[in-house]
Amino acid sequence: MTGAVQVVPEEMLGRMLEAGCKLEEKIFMQAFMFVLFLSSWE
């Protein structure tokens, strides 16, 4: 399950960063930390 998170297409990652710039920094950071938590939680 963690493998799918680690193999994220660059296009999808780019869109996430693009969307993050449009969102409030606080909301983006919370979502980013949540993704890191899921990817590190084995």
PDB file of N, CA and C in Angstrom:
ATOM      1  N   MET A   1       0.834  -1.204   0.000  1.00  0.00           N
ATOM      2  CA  MET A   1       0.000   0.000   0.000  1.00  0.00           C
ATOM      3  C   MET A   1       0.871   1.257   0.000  1.00  0.00           C
ATOM      4  N   THR A   2       2.006   1.172   0.671  1.00  0.00           N
ATOM      5  CA  THR A   2       2.909   2.330   0.707  1.00  0.00           C
ATOM      6  C   THR A   2       3.621   2.490  -0.627  1.00  0.00           C
ATOM      7  N   GLY A   3       3.750   1.389  -1.377  1.00  0.00           N
ATOM      8  CA  GLY A   3       4.435   1.438  -2.670  1.00  0.00           C
ATOM      9  C   GLY A   3       3.704   2.345  -3.644  1.00  0.00           C
ATOM     10  N   ALA A   4       2.374   2.296  -3.598  1.00  0.00           N
ATOM     11  CA  ALA A   4       1.583   3.119  -4.512  1.00  0.00           C
ATOM     12  C   ALA A   4       1.796   4.600  -4.222  1.00  0.00           C
ATOM     13  N   VAL A   5       2.021   4.920  -2.946  1.00  0.00           N
ATOM     14  CA  VAL A   5       2.226   6.320  -2.567  1.00  0.00           C
ATOM     15  C   VAL A   5       3.605   6.797  -3.007  1.00  0.00           C
ATOM     16  N   GLN A   6       4.581   5.907  -2.919  1.00  0.00           N
ATOM     17  CA  GLN A   6       5.959   6.286  -3.254  1.00  0.00           C
ATOM     18  C   GLN A   6       6.136   6.449  -4.763  1.00  0.00           C
ATOM     19  N   VAL A   7       5.383   5.670  -5.537  1.00  0.00           N
ATOM     20  CA  VAL A   7       5.513   5.746  -6.997  1.00  0.00           C
ATOM     21  C   VAL A   7       4.445   6.686  -7.546  1.00  0.00           C
ATOM     22  N   VAL A   8       4.574   7.948  -7.198  1.00  0.00           N
ATOM     23  CA  VAL A   8       3.610   8.946  -7.671  1.00  0.00           C
ATOM     24  C   VAL A   8       4.138   9.585  -8.947  1.00  0.00           C
ATOM     25  N   PRO A   9       3.313   9.586 -10.008  1.00  0.00           N
ATOM     26  CA  PRO A   9       3.733  10.210 -11.275  1.00  0.00           C
ATOM     27  C   PRO A   9       4.133  11.666 -11.074  1.00  0.00           C
ATOM     28  N   GLU A  10       5.121  12.109 -11.827  1.00  0.00           N
ATOM     29  CA  GLU A  10       5.587  13.492 -11.674  1.00  0.00           C
ATOM     30  C   GLU A  10       4.487  14.481 -12.042  1.00  0.00           C
ATOM     31  N   GLU A  11       3.657  14.090 -12.998  1.00  0.00           N
ATOM     32  CA  GLU A  11       2.566  14.983 -13.421  1.00  0.00           C
ATOM     33  C   GLU A  11       1.590  15.198 -12.275  1.00  0.00           C
ATOM     34  N   MET A  12       1.265  14.107 -11.570  1.00  0.00           N
ATOM     35  CA  MET A  12       0.336  14.201 -10.451  1.00  0.00           C
ATOM     36  C   MET A  12       0.956  15.025  -9.326  1.00  0.00           C
ATOM     37  N   LEU A  13       2.257  14.810  -9.095  1.00  0.00           N
ATOM     38  CA  LEU A  13       2.950  15.558  -8.049  1.00  0.00           C
ATOM     39  C   LEU A  13       2.975  17.043  -8.390  1.00  0.00           C
ATOM     40  N   GLY A  14       3.185  17.334  -9.670  1.00  0.00           N
ATOM     41  CA  GLY A  14       3.196  18.721 -10.125  1.00  0.00           C
ATOM     42  C   GLY A  14       1.849  19.393  -9.908  1.00  0.00           C
ATOM     43  N   ARG A  15       0.781  18.632 -10.172  1.00  0.00           N
ATOM     44  CA  ARG A  15      -0.561  19.184  -9.990  1.00  0.00           C
ATOM     45  C   ARG A  15      -0.844  19.431  -8.515  1.00  0.00           C
ATOM     46  N   MET A  16      -0.317  18.547  -7.656  1.00  0.00           N
ATOM     47  CA  MET A  16      -0.504  18.721  -6.218  1.00  0.00           C
ATOM     48  C   MET A  16       0.175  20.005  -5.750  1.00  0.00           C
ATOM     49  N   LEU A  17       1.400  20.234  -6.234  1.00  0.00           N
ATOM     50  CA  LEU A  17       2.133  21.446  -5.850  1.00  0.00           C
ATOM     51  C   LEU A  17       1.430  22.679  -6.402  1.00  0.00           C
ATOM     52  N   GLU A  18       0.901  22.538  -7.628  1.00  0.00           N
ATOM     53  CA  GLU A  18       0.207  23.657  -8.260  1.00  0.00           C
ATOM     54  C   GLU A  18      -1.039  24.016  -7.461  1.00  0.00           C
ATOM     55  N   ALA A  19      -1.777  22.981  -7.047  1.00  0.00           N
ATOM     56  CA  ALA A  19      -2.989  23.200  -6.257  1.00  0.00           C
ATOM     57  C   ALA A  19      -2.620  23.759  -4.883  1.00  0.00           C
ATOM     58  N   GLY A  20      -1.481  23.295  -4.357  1.00  0.00           N
ATOM     59  CA  GLY A  20      -1.034  23.743  -3.041  1.00  0.00           C
ATOM     60  C   GLY A  20      -0.749  25.236  -3.023  1.00  0.00           C
ATOM     61  N   CYS A  21      -0.218  25.748  -4.133  1.00  0.00           N
ATOM     62  CA  CYS A  21       0.092  27.175  -4.208  1.00  0.00           C
ATOM     63  C   CYS A  21      -1.192  28.000  -4.196  1.00  0.00           C
ATOM     64  N   LYS A  22      -2.267  27.404  -4.708  1.00  0.00           N
ATOM     65  CA  LYS A  22      -3.537  28.130  -4.763  1.00  0.00           C
ATOM     66  C   LYS A  22      -4.250  28.073  -3.418  1.00  0.00           C
ATOM     67  N   LEU A  23      -4.018  26.991  -2.688  1.00  0.00           N
ATOM     68  CA  LEU A  23      -4.668  26.859  -1.382  1.00  0.00           C
ATOM     69  C   LEU A  23      -3.934  27.680  -0.336  1.00  0.00           C
ATOM     70  N   GLU A  24      -4.547  27.785   0.822  1.00  0.00           N
ATOM     71  CA  GLU A  24      -3.868  28.463   1.917  1.00  0.00           C
ATOM     72  C   GLU A  24      -2.713  27.597   2.375  1.00  0.00           C
ATOM     73  N   GLU A  25      -1.638  28.216   2.782  1.00  0.00           N
ATOM     74  CA  GLU A  25      -0.425  27.482   3.151  1.00  0.00           C
ATOM     75  C   GLU A  25      -0.696  26.497   4.289  1.00  0.00           C
ATOM     76  N   LYS A  26      -1.519  26.896   5.227  1.00  0.00           N
ATOM     77  CA  LYS A  26      -1.806  26.045   6.381  1.00  0.00           C
ATOM     78  C   LYS A  26      -2.497  24.752   5.948  1.00  0.00           C
ATOM     79  N   ILE A  27      -3.489  24.884   5.057  1.00  0.00           N
ATOM     80  CA  ILE A  27      -4.234  23.710   4.592  1.00  0.00           C
ATOM     81  C   ILE A  27      -3.316  22.789   3.798  1.00  0.00           C
ATOM     82  N   PHE A  28      -2.465  23.372   2.950  1.00  0.00           N
ATOM     83  CA  PHE A  28      -1.553  22.577   2.135  1.00  0.00           C
ATOM     84  C   PHE A  28      -0.554  21.831   3.007  1.00  0.00           C
ATOM     85  N   MET A  29      -0.034  22.501   4.022  1.00  0.00           N
ATOM     86  CA  MET A  29       0.944  21.863   4.905  1.00  0.00           C
ATOM     87  C   MET A  29       0.309  20.724   5.683  1.00  0.00           C
ATOM     88  N   GLN A  30      -0.933  20.890   6.106  1.00  0.00           N
ATOM     89  CA  GLN A  30      -1.631  19.824   6.825  1.00  0.00           C
ATOM     90  C   GLN A  30      -1.816  18.616   5.920  1.00  0.00           C
ATOM     91  N   ALA A  31      -2.183  18.852   4.671  1.00  0.00           N
ATOM     92  CA  ALA A  31      -2.376  17.760   3.719  1.00  0.00           C
ATOM     93  C   ALA A  31      -1.035  17.094   3.407  1.00  0.00           C
ATOM     94  N   PHE A  32       0.019  17.904   3.280  1.00  0.00           N
ATOM     95  CA  PHE A  32       1.350  17.374   2.978  1.00  0.00           C
ATOM     96  C   PHE A  32       1.860  16.499   4.119  1.00  0.00           C
ATOM     97  N   MET A  33       1.685  16.966   5.350  1.00  0.00           N
ATOM     98  CA  MET A  33       2.115  16.191   6.513  1.00  0.00           C
ATOM     99  C   MET A  33       1.302  14.909   6.628  1.00  0.00           C
ATOM    100  N   PHE A  34       0.025  14.969   6.245  1.00  0.00           N
ATOM    101  CA  PHE A  34      -0.839  13.787   6.289  1.00  0.00           C
ATOM    102  C   PHE A  34      -0.353  12.742   5.293  1.00  0.00           C
ATOM    103  N   VAL A  35       0.068  13.196   4.107  1.00  0.00           N
ATOM    104  CA  VAL A  35       0.588  12.283   3.082  1.00  0.00           C
ATOM    105  C   VAL A  35       1.894  11.659   3.561  1.00  0.00           C
ATOM    106  N   LEU A  36       2.748  12.464   4.182  1.00  0.00           N
ATOM    107  CA  LEU A  36       4.010  11.941   4.709  1.00  0.00           C
ATOM    108  C   LEU A  36       3.745  10.910   5.796  1.00  0.00           C
ATOM    109  N   PHE A  37       2.738  11.173   6.617  1.00  0.00           N
ATOM    110  CA  PHE A  37       2.376  10.250   7.698  1.00  0.00           C
ATOM    111  C   PHE A  37       1.905   8.921   7.122  1.00  0.00           C
ATOM    112  N   LEU A  38       1.074   8.973   6.085  1.00  0.00           N
ATOM    113  CA  LEU A  38       0.564   7.745   5.469  1.00  0.00           C
ATOM    114  C   LEU A  38       1.684   6.973   4.792  1.00  0.00           C
ATOM    115  N   SER A  39       2.591   7.680   4.127  1.00  0.00           N
ATOM    116  CA  SER A  39       3.673   7.021   3.395  1.00  0.00           C
ATOM    117  C   SER A  39       4.685   6.389   4.346  1.00  0.00           C
ATOM    118  N   SER A  40       4.834   6.952   5.542  1.00  0.00           N
ATOM    119  CA  SER A  40       5.811   6.419   6.499  1.00  0.00           C
ATOM    120  C   SER A  40       5.174   5.401   7.438  1.00  0.00           C
ATOM    121  N   TRP A  41       3.844   5.351   7.428  1.00  0.00           N
ATOM    122  CA  TRP A  41       3.125   4.433   8.325  1.00  0.00           C
ATOM    123  C   TRP A  41       2.965   3.075   7.654  1.00  0.00           C
ATOM    124  N   GLU A  42       3.808   2.116   8.046  1.00  0.00           N
ATOM    125  CA  GLU A  42       3.766   0.787   7.409  1.00  0.00           C
ATOM    126  C   GLU A  42       3.052  -0.194   8.317  1.00  0.00           C
TER     127      GLU A  42
END
